[in-house]
Amino acid sequence: MNYAMTPGVERLGSQDWQLILSIVMRLYHEKEYFLSFEAKGGKTIVSDGNENDLCYVDKLIFPPSTKVWAIYGDDGQSQYYTFLLPKEY
């Protein structure tokens, strides 16, 4: 699995990419191809983008009041997730 991030996500920065990627891979195996990471109450909620919470992390992964999407893609040669801000979609 490959990963890419937009300039907006790069600017946010995160010290927890290993944790983020482990969550993404676990949810990929559960057939979740669109993920939304959002801070709520000092935690990070990971949802399917339709307000269905999939899991949560007991800390902030990205800055407060920031939503980050991870969208799965497959171009026939490789599978990947792109991390982006909603305004970059």
PDB file of N, CA and C in Angstrom:
ATOM      1  N   MET A   1       0.856  -1.175   0.000  1.00  0.00           N
ATOM      2  CA  MET A   1       0.000   0.000   0.000  1.00  0.00           C
ATOM      3  C   MET A   1       0.898   1.233   0.000  1.00  0.00           C
ATOM      4  N   ASN A   2       0.575   2.182  -0.867  1.00  0.00           N
ATOM      5  CA  ASN A   2       1.297   3.451  -0.923  1.00  0.00           C
ATOM      6  C   ASN A   2       0.454   4.548  -0.287  1.00  0.00           C
ATOM      7  N   TYR A   3       1.114   5.622   0.077  1.00  0.00           N
ATOM      8  CA  TYR A   3       0.436   6.751   0.711  1.00  0.00           C
ATOM      9  C   TYR A   3       0.940   8.047   0.097  1.00  0.00           C
ATOM     10  N   ALA A   4       0.032   8.995  -0.035  1.00  0.00           N
ATOM     11  CA  ALA A   4       0.387  10.328  -0.520  1.00  0.00           C
ATOM     12  C   ALA A   4      -0.355  11.336   0.336  1.00  0.00           C
ATOM     13  N   MET A   5       0.192  12.536   0.414  1.00  0.00           N
ATOM     14  CA  MET A   5      -0.512  13.587   1.146  1.00  0.00           C
ATOM     15  C   MET A   5      -0.409  14.888   0.371  1.00  0.00           C
ATOM     16  N   THR A   6      -1.443  15.667   0.498  1.00  0.00           N
ATOM     17  CA  THR A   6      -1.497  16.957  -0.170  1.00  0.00           C
ATOM     18  C   THR A   6      -0.646  17.966   0.607  1.00  0.00           C
ATOM     19  N   PRO A   7      -0.331  19.103  -0.021  1.00  0.00           N
ATOM     20  CA  PRO A   7       0.444  20.132   0.681  1.00  0.00           C
ATOM     21  C   PRO A   7      -0.212  20.594   1.987  1.00  0.00           C
ATOM     22  N   GLY A   8      -1.535  20.661   2.014  1.00  0.00           N
ATOM     23  CA  GLY A   8      -2.222  21.083   3.235  1.00  0.00           C
ATOM     24  C   GLY A   8      -1.980  20.139   4.393  1.00  0.00           C
ATOM     25  N   VAL A   9      -2.001  18.847   4.139  1.00  0.00           N
ATOM     26  CA  VAL A   9      -1.751  17.858   5.199  1.00  0.00           C
ATOM     27  C   VAL A   9      -0.272  17.883   5.591  1.00  0.00           C
ATOM     28  N   GLU A  10       0.605  18.062   4.613  1.00  0.00           N
ATOM     29  CA  GLU A  10       2.032  18.179   4.933  1.00  0.00           C
ATOM     30  C   GLU A  10       2.284  19.342   5.882  1.00  0.00           C
ATOM     31  N   ARG A  11       1.622  20.473   5.635  1.00  0.00           N
ATOM     32  CA  ARG A  11       1.804  21.655   6.491  1.00  0.00           C
ATOM     33  C   ARG A  11       1.276  21.423   7.908  1.00  0.00           C
ATOM     34  N   LEU A  12       0.225  20.618   8.044  1.00  0.00           N
ATOM     35  CA  LEU A  12      -0.316  20.334   9.381  1.00  0.00           C
ATOM     36  C   LEU A  12       0.709  19.650  10.263  1.00  0.00           C
ATOM     37  N   GLY A  13       1.373  18.682   9.663  1.00  0.00           N
ATOM     38  CA  GLY A  13       2.327  17.895  10.423  1.00  0.00           C
ATOM     39  C   GLY A  13       1.627  16.983  11.420  1.00  0.00           C
ATOM     40  N   SER A  14       2.247  15.891  11.731  1.00  0.00           N
ATOM     41  CA  SER A  14       1.772  14.961  12.745  1.00  0.00           C
ATOM     42  C   SER A  14       2.959  14.115  13.162  1.00  0.00           C
ATOM     43  N   GLN A  15       3.062  13.854  14.432  1.00  0.00           N
ATOM     44  CA  GLN A  15       4.132  13.000  14.946  1.00  0.00           C
ATOM     45  C   GLN A  15       3.671  11.544  15.019  1.00  0.00           C
ATOM     46  N   ASP A  16       2.466  11.268  14.559  1.00  0.00           N
ATOM     47  CA  ASP A  16       1.867   9.950  14.766  1.00  0.00           C
ATOM     48  C   ASP A  16       1.552   9.210  13.472  1.00  0.00           C
ATOM     49  N   TRP A  17       2.385   9.354  12.452  1.00  0.00           N
ATOM     50  CA  TRP A  17       2.071   8.703  11.182  1.00  0.00           C
ATOM     51  C   TRP A  17       2.055   7.186  11.295  1.00  0.00           C
ATOM     52  N   GLN A  18       2.880   6.624  12.126  1.00  0.00           N
ATOM     53  CA  GLN A  18       2.861   5.167  12.294  1.00  0.00           C
ATOM     54  C   GLN A  18       1.496   4.721  12.827  1.00  0.00           C
ATOM     55  N   LEU A  19       0.962   5.445  13.794  1.00  0.00           N
ATOM     56  CA  LEU A  19      -0.368   5.148  14.332  1.00  0.00           C
ATOM     57  C   LEU A  19      -1.438   5.357  13.262  1.00  0.00           C
ATOM     58  N   ILE A  20      -1.363   6.460  12.547  1.00  0.00           N
ATOM     59  CA  ILE A  20      -2.345   6.765  11.499  1.00  0.00           C
ATOM     60  C   ILE A  20      -2.364   5.654  10.459  1.00  0.00           C
ATOM     61  N   LEU A  21      -1.193   5.242   9.991  1.00  0.00           N
ATOM     62  CA  LEU A  21      -1.129   4.209   8.955  1.00  0.00           C
ATOM     63  C   LEU A  21      -1.616   2.862   9.472  1.00  0.00           C
ATOM     64  N   SER A  22      -1.374   2.556  10.735  1.00  0.00           N
ATOM     65  CA  SER A  22      -1.885   1.286  11.274  1.00  0.00           C
ATOM     66  C   SER A  22      -3.412   1.303  11.337  1.00  0.00           C
ATOM     67  N   ILE A  23      -4.000   2.454  11.672  1.00  0.00           N
ATOM     68  CA  ILE A  23      -5.465   2.576  11.676  1.00  0.00           C
ATOM     69  C   ILE A  23      -6.005   2.419  10.263  1.00  0.00           C
ATOM     70  N   VAL A  24      -5.376   3.092   9.312  1.00  0.00           N
ATOM     71  CA  VAL A  24      -5.822   3.021   7.916  1.00  0.00           C
ATOM     72  C   VAL A  24      -5.765   1.584   7.412  1.00  0.00           C
ATOM     73  N   MET A  25      -4.682   0.873   7.684  1.00  0.00           N
ATOM     74  CA  MET A  25      -4.565  -0.508   7.199  1.00  0.00           C
ATOM     75  C   MET A  25      -5.593  -1.422   7.855  1.00  0.00           C
ATOM     76  N   ARG A  26      -5.823  -1.245   9.146  1.00  0.00           N
ATOM     77  CA  ARG A  26      -6.833  -2.078   9.825  1.00  0.00           C
ATOM     78  C   ARG A  26      -8.205  -1.844   9.212  1.00  0.00           C
ATOM     79  N   LEU A  27      -8.541  -0.590   8.982  1.00  0.00           N
ATOM     80  CA  LEU A  27      -9.861  -0.281   8.421  1.00  0.00           C
ATOM     81  C   LEU A  27      -9.953  -0.654   6.945  1.00  0.00           C
ATOM     82  N   TYR A  28      -8.847  -0.611   6.224  1.00  0.00           N
ATOM     83  CA  TYR A  28      -8.833  -1.080   4.829  1.00  0.00           C
ATOM     84  C   TYR A  28      -9.217  -2.562   4.788  1.00  0.00           C
ATOM     85  N   HIS A  29      -8.679  -3.338   5.695  1.00  0.00           N
ATOM     86  CA  HIS A  29      -9.005  -4.773   5.742  1.00  0.00           C
ATOM     87  C   HIS A  29     -10.463  -5.012   6.127  1.00  0.00           C
ATOM     88  N   GLU A  30     -11.095  -4.000   6.719  1.00  0.00           N
ATOM     89  CA  GLU A  30     -12.525  -4.073   7.024  1.00  0.00           C
ATOM     90  C   GLU A  30     -13.364  -3.433   5.913  1.00  0.00           C
ATOM     91  N   LYS A  31     -12.732  -3.174   4.763  1.00  0.00           N
ATOM     92  CA  LYS A  31     -13.399  -2.631   3.562  1.00  0.00           C
ATOM     93  C   LYS A  31     -13.865  -1.185   3.731  1.00  0.00           C
ATOM     94  N   GLU A  32     -13.117  -0.404   4.489  1.00  0.00           N
ATOM     95  CA  GLU A  32     -13.405   1.026   4.642  1.00  0.00           C
ATOM     96  C   GLU A  32     -12.443   1.783   3.740  1.00  0.00           C
ATOM     97  N   TYR A  33     -12.972   2.457   2.727  1.00  0.00           N
ATOM     98  CA  TYR A  33     -12.134   3.101   1.719  1.00  0.00           C
ATOM     99  C   TYR A  33     -12.154   4.625   1.792  1.00  0.00           C
ATOM    100  N   PHE A  34     -13.004   5.177   2.614  1.00  0.00           N
ATOM    101  CA  PHE A  34     -13.034   6.621   2.852  1.00  0.00           C
ATOM    102  C   PHE A  34     -13.026   6.821   4.357  1.00  0.00           C
ATOM    103  N   LEU A  35     -12.014   7.516   4.849  1.00  0.00           N
ATOM    104  CA  LEU A  35     -11.883   7.744   6.284  1.00  0.00           C
ATOM    105  C   LEU A  35     -11.788   9.233   6.559  1.00  0.00           C
ATOM    106  N   SER A  36     -12.371   9.636   7.658  1.00  0.00           N
ATOM    107  CA  SER A  36     -12.312  11.026   8.092  1.00  0.00           C
ATOM    108  C   SER A  36     -11.779  11.058   9.521  1.00  0.00           C
ATOM    109  N   PHE A  37     -10.699  11.796   9.730  1.00  0.00           N
ATOM    110  CA  PHE A  37     -10.097  11.975  11.052  1.00  0.00           C
ATOM    111  C   PHE A  37     -10.502  13.354  11.550  1.00  0.00           C
ATOM    112  N   GLU A  38     -11.135  13.412  12.732  1.00  0.00           N
ATOM    113  CA  GLU A  38     -11.598  14.694  13.251  1.00  0.00           C
ATOM    114  C   GLU A  38     -11.449  14.735  14.769  1.00  0.00           C
ATOM    115  N   ALA A  39     -10.937  15.860  15.262  1.00  0.00           N
ATOM    116  CA  ALA A  39     -10.764  16.044  16.705  1.00  0.00           C
ATOM    117  C   ALA A  39     -12.101  16.368  17.354  1.00  0.00           C
ATOM    118  N   LYS A  40     -12.384  15.686  18.462  1.00  0.00           N
ATOM    119  CA  LYS A  40     -13.587  15.956  19.259  1.00  0.00           C
ATOM    120  C   LYS A  40     -13.266  15.681  20.717  1.00  0.00           C
ATOM    121  N   GLY A  41     -13.385  16.697  21.540  1.00  0.00           N
ATOM    122  CA  GLY A  41     -13.201  16.521  22.981  1.00  0.00           C
ATOM    123  C   GLY A  41     -11.851  15.973  23.388  1.00  0.00           C
ATOM    124  N   GLY A  42     -10.792  16.395  22.726  1.00  0.00           N
ATOM    125  CA  GLY A  42      -9.456  15.926  23.078  1.00  0.00           C
ATOM    126  C   GLY A  42      -9.094  14.569  22.513  1.00  0.00           C
ATOM    127  N   LYS A  43      -9.989  13.975  21.733  1.00  0.00           N
ATOM    128  CA  LYS A  43      -9.745  12.686  21.087  1.00  0.00           C
ATOM    129  C   LYS A  43      -9.818  12.874  19.577  1.00  0.00           C
ATOM    130  N   THR A  44      -9.411  11.863  18.848  1.00  0.00           N
ATOM    131  CA  THR A  44      -9.576  11.849  17.400  1.00  0.00           C
ATOM    132  C   THR A  44     -10.593  10.774  17.058  1.00  0.00           C
ATOM    133  N   ILE A  45     -11.656  11.177  16.397  1.00  0.00           N
ATOM    134  CA  ILE A  45     -12.686  10.244  15.944  1.00  0.00           C
ATOM    135  C   ILE A  45     -12.398   9.911  14.485  1.00  0.00           C
ATOM    136  N   VAL A  46     -12.395   8.627  14.170  1.00  0.00           N
ATOM    137  CA  VAL A  46     -12.233   8.187  12.787  1.00  0.00           C
ATOM    138  C   VAL A  46     -13.595   7.682  12.335  1.00  0.00           C
ATOM    139  N   SER A  47     -14.122   8.296  11.278  1.00  0.00           N
ATOM    140  CA  SER A  47     -15.442   7.910  10.775  1.00  0.00           C
ATOM    141  C   SER A  47     -15.343   7.549   9.301  1.00  0.00           C
ATOM    142  N   ASP A  48     -16.473   7.082   8.768  1.00  0.00           N
ATOM    143  CA  ASP A  48     -16.533   6.723   7.353  1.00  0.00           C
ATOM    144  C   ASP A  48     -16.971   7.901   6.484  1.00  0.00           C
ATOM    145  N   GLY A  49     -17.042   9.083   7.053  1.00  0.00           N
ATOM    146  CA  GLY A  49     -17.468  10.267   6.311  1.00  0.00           C
ATOM    147  C   GLY A  49     -18.967  10.449   6.286  1.00  0.00           C
ATOM    148  N   ASN A  50     -19.708   9.447   6.732  1.00  0.00           N
ATOM    149  CA  ASN A  50     -21.172   9.516   6.807  1.00  0.00           C
ATOM    150  C   ASN A  50     -21.632   9.537   8.259  1.00  0.00           C
ATOM    151  N   GLU A  51     -20.788  10.069   9.121  1.00  0.00           N
ATOM    152  CA  GLU A  51     -21.091  10.190  10.554  1.00  0.00           C
ATOM    153  C   GLU A  51     -21.157   8.853  11.284  1.00  0.00           C
ATOM    154  N   ASN A  52     -20.661   7.787  10.676  1.00  0.00           N
ATOM    155  CA  ASN A  52     -20.566   6.495  11.359  1.00  0.00           C
ATOM    156  C   ASN A  52     -19.164   6.368  11.943  1.00  0.00           C
ATOM    157  N   ASP A  53     -19.050   6.436  13.257  1.00  0.00           N
ATOM    158  CA  ASP A  53     -17.749   6.336  13.905  1.00  0.00           C
ATOM    159  C   ASP A  53     -17.217   4.914  13.787  1.00  0.00           C
ATOM    160  N   LEU A  54     -15.961   4.802  13.362  1.00  0.00           N
ATOM    161  CA  LEU A  54     -15.323   3.502  13.184  1.00  0.00           C
ATOM    162  C   LEU A  54     -14.400   3.166  14.349  1.00  0.00           C
ATOM    163  N   CYS A  55     -13.728   4.180  14.871  1.00  0.00           N
ATOM    164  CA  CYS A  55     -12.858   4.006  16.033  1.00  0.00           C
ATOM    165  C   CYS A  55     -12.475   5.382  16.546  1.00  0.00           C
ATOM    166  N   TYR A  56     -11.810   5.405  17.679  1.00  0.00           N
ATOM    167  CA  TYR A  56     -11.301   6.673  18.184  1.00  0.00           C
ATOM    168  C   TYR A  56      -9.928   6.450  18.795  1.00  0.00           C
ATOM    169  N   VAL A  57      -9.178   7.535  18.857  1.00  0.00           N
ATOM    170  CA  VAL A  57      -7.848   7.536  19.450  1.00  0.00           C
ATOM    171  C   VAL A  57      -7.903   8.497  20.625  1.00  0.00           C
ATOM    172  N   ASP A  58      -7.325   8.109  21.725  1.00  0.00           N
ATOM    173  CA  ASP A  58      -7.412   8.879  22.968  1.00  0.00           C
ATOM    174  C   ASP A  58      -6.521  10.118  22.997  1.00  0.00           C
ATOM    175  N   LYS A  59      -6.187  10.655  21.854  1.00  0.00           N
ATOM    176  CA  LYS A  59      -5.401  11.884  21.775  1.00  0.00           C
ATOM    177  C   LYS A  59      -5.656  12.537  20.424  1.00  0.00           C
ATOM    178  N   LEU A  60      -5.177  13.753  20.280  1.00  0.00           N
ATOM    179  CA  LEU A  60      -5.301  14.456  19.006  1.00  0.00           C
ATOM    180  C   LEU A  60      -4.182  14.000  18.077  1.00  0.00           C
ATOM    181  N   ILE A  61      -4.550  13.597  16.870  1.00  0.00           N
ATOM    182  CA  ILE A  61      -3.561  13.185  15.875  1.00  0.00           C
ATOM    183  C   ILE A  61      -3.177  14.378  15.000  1.00  0.00           C
ATOM    184  N   PHE A  62      -4.159  15.198  14.697  1.00  0.00           N
ATOM    185  CA  PHE A  62      -3.952  16.414  13.920  1.00  0.00           C
ATOM    186  C   PHE A  62      -4.384  17.601  14.783  1.00  0.00           C
ATOM    187  N   PRO A  63      -4.042  18.820  14.393  1.00  0.00           N
ATOM    188  CA  PRO A  63      -4.427  19.991  15.195  1.00  0.00           C
ATOM    189  C   PRO A  63      -5.941  20.060  15.428  1.00  0.00           C
ATOM    190  N   PRO A  64      -6.347  20.655  16.556  1.00  0.00           N
ATOM    191  CA  PRO A  64      -7.786  20.796  16.852  1.00  0.00           C
ATOM    192  C   PRO A  64      -8.521  21.518  15.725  1.00  0.00           C
ATOM    193  N   SER A  65      -9.782  21.211  15.595  1.00  0.00           N
ATOM    194  CA  SER A  65     -10.692  21.786  14.584  1.00  0.00           C
ATOM    195  C   SER A  65     -10.202  21.578  13.156  1.00  0.00           C
ATOM    196  N   THR A  66      -9.440  20.510  12.936  1.00  0.00           N
ATOM    197  CA  THR A  66      -8.985  20.161  11.590  1.00  0.00           C
ATOM    198  C   THR A  66      -9.522  18.785  11.239  1.00  0.00           C
ATOM    199  N   LYS A  67     -10.083  18.679  10.047  1.00  0.00           N
ATOM    200  CA  LYS A  67     -10.552  17.390   9.542  1.00  0.00           C
ATOM    201  C   LYS A  67      -9.606  16.961   8.425  1.00  0.00           C
ATOM    202  N   VAL A  68      -9.211  15.701   8.444  1.00  0.00           N
ATOM    203  CA  VAL A  68      -8.349  15.144   7.400  1.00  0.00           C
ATOM    204  C   VAL A  68      -9.035  13.913   6.841  1.00  0.00           C
ATOM    205  N   TRP A  69      -9.091  13.848   5.522  1.00  0.00           N
ATOM    206  CA  TRP A  69      -9.655  12.681   4.851  1.00  0.00           C
ATOM    207  C   TRP A  69      -8.530  11.775   4.361  1.00  0.00           C
ATOM    208  N   ALA A  70      -8.797  10.477   4.340  1.00  0.00           N
ATOM    209  CA  ALA A  70      -7.930   9.486   3.707  1.00  0.00           C
ATOM    210  C   ALA A  70      -8.815   8.724   2.724  1.00  0.00           C
ATOM    211  N   ILE A  71      -8.479   8.828   1.439  1.00  0.00           N
ATOM    212  CA  ILE A  71      -9.308   8.242   0.386  1.00  0.00           C
ATOM    213  C   ILE A  71      -8.495   7.187  -0.359  1.00  0.00           C
ATOM    214  N   TYR A  72      -9.075   6.002  -0.475  1.00  0.00           N
ATOM    215  CA  TYR A  72      -8.429   4.874  -1.151  1.00  0.00           C
ATOM    216  C   TYR A  72      -8.516   5.032  -2.660  1.00  0.00           C
ATOM    217  N   GLY A  73      -7.464   4.595  -3.334  1.00  0.00           N
ATOM    218  CA  GLY A  73      -7.459   4.572  -4.787  1.00  0.00           C
ATOM    219  C   GLY A  73      -6.717   3.343  -5.293  1.00  0.00           C
ATOM    220  N   ASP A  74      -7.047   2.936  -6.495  1.00  0.00           N
ATOM    221  CA  ASP A  74      -6.387   1.802  -7.145  1.00  0.00           C
ATOM    222  C   ASP A  74      -6.319   2.120  -8.628  1.00  0.00           C
ATOM    223  N   ASP A  75      -5.111   2.347  -9.144  1.00  0.00           N
ATOM    224  CA  ASP A  75      -4.961   2.708 -10.553  1.00  0.00           C
ATOM    225  C   ASP A  75      -4.633   1.510 -11.433  1.00  0.00           C
ATOM    226  N   GLY A  76      -4.768   0.306 -10.884  1.00  0.00           N
ATOM    227  CA  GLY A  76      -4.479  -0.903 -11.636  1.00  0.00           C
ATOM    228  C   GLY A  76      -3.044  -1.378 -11.464  1.00  0.00           C
ATOM    229  N   GLN A  77      -2.155  -0.478 -11.093  1.00  0.00           N
ATOM    230  CA  GLN A  77      -0.760  -0.847 -10.848  1.00  0.00           C
ATOM    231  C   GLN A  77      -0.406  -0.768  -9.372  1.00  0.00           C
ATOM    232  N   SER A  78      -1.074   0.104  -8.645  1.00  0.00           N
ATOM    233  CA  SER A  78      -0.806   0.219  -7.214  1.00  0.00           C
ATOM    234  C   SER A  78      -2.065   0.643  -6.470  1.00  0.00           C
ATOM    235  N   GLN A  79      -2.082   0.295  -5.210  1.00  0.00           N
ATOM    236  CA  GLN A  79      -3.162   0.701  -4.315  1.00  0.00           C
ATOM    237  C   GLN A  79      -2.596   1.761  -3.390  1.00  0.00           C
ATOM    238  N   TYR A  80      -3.417   2.753  -3.050  1.00  0.00           N
ATOM    239  CA  TYR A  80      -2.903   3.862  -2.261  1.00  0.00           C
ATOM    240  C   TYR A  80      -4.017   4.561  -1.501  1.00  0.00           C
ATOM    241  N   TYR A  81      -3.633   5.288  -0.482  1.00  0.00           N
ATOM    242  CA  TYR A  81      -4.505   6.220   0.220  1.00  0.00           C
ATOM    243  C   TYR A  81      -3.911   7.605   0.038  1.00  0.00           C
ATOM    244  N   THR A  82      -4.763   8.555  -0.264  1.00  0.00           N
ATOM    245  CA  THR A  82      -4.361   9.950  -0.335  1.00  0.00           C
ATOM    246  C   THR A  82      -4.934  10.666   0.878  1.00  0.00           C
ATOM    247  N   PHE A  83      -4.088  11.367   1.602  1.00  0.00           N
ATOM    248  CA  PHE A  83      -4.504  12.162   2.752  1.00  0.00           C
ATOM    249  C   PHE A  83      -4.651  13.603   2.296  1.00  0.00           C
ATOM    250  N   LEU A  84      -5.830  14.187   2.563  1.00  0.00           N
ATOM    251  CA  LEU A  84      -6.094  15.548   2.120  1.00  0.00           C
ATOM    252  C   LEU A  84      -7.045  16.250   3.063  1.00  0.00           C
ATOM    253  N   LEU A  85      -7.037  17.564   2.981  1.00  0.00           N
ATOM    254  CA  LEU A  85      -8.015  18.372   3.694  1.00  0.00           C
ATOM    255  C   LEU A  85      -9.266  18.450   2.833  1.00  0.00           C
ATOM    256  N   PRO A  86     -10.452  18.509   3.419  1.00  0.00           N
ATOM    257  CA  PRO A  86     -11.675  18.587   2.607  1.00  0.00           C
ATOM    258  C   PRO A  86     -11.646  19.715   1.580  1.00  0.00           C
ATOM    259  N   LYS A  87     -11.065  20.856   1.920  1.00  0.00           N
ATOM    260  CA  LYS A  87     -11.025  21.972   0.967  1.00  0.00           C
ATOM    261  C   LYS A  87     -10.086  21.697  -0.204  1.00  0.00           C
ATOM    262  N   GLU A  88      -9.256  20.659  -0.118  1.00  0.00           N
ATOM    263  CA  GLU A  88      -8.355  20.299  -1.213  1.00  0.00           C
ATOM    264  C   GLU A  88      -8.972  19.271  -2.157  1.00  0.00           C
ATOM    265  N   TYR A  89     -10.168  18.820  -1.860  1.00  0.00           N
ATOM    266  CA  TYR A  89     -10.826  17.793  -2.677  1.00  0.00           C
ATOM    267  C   TYR A  89     -11.210  18.345  -4.029  1.00  0.00           C
TER     268      TYR A  89
END
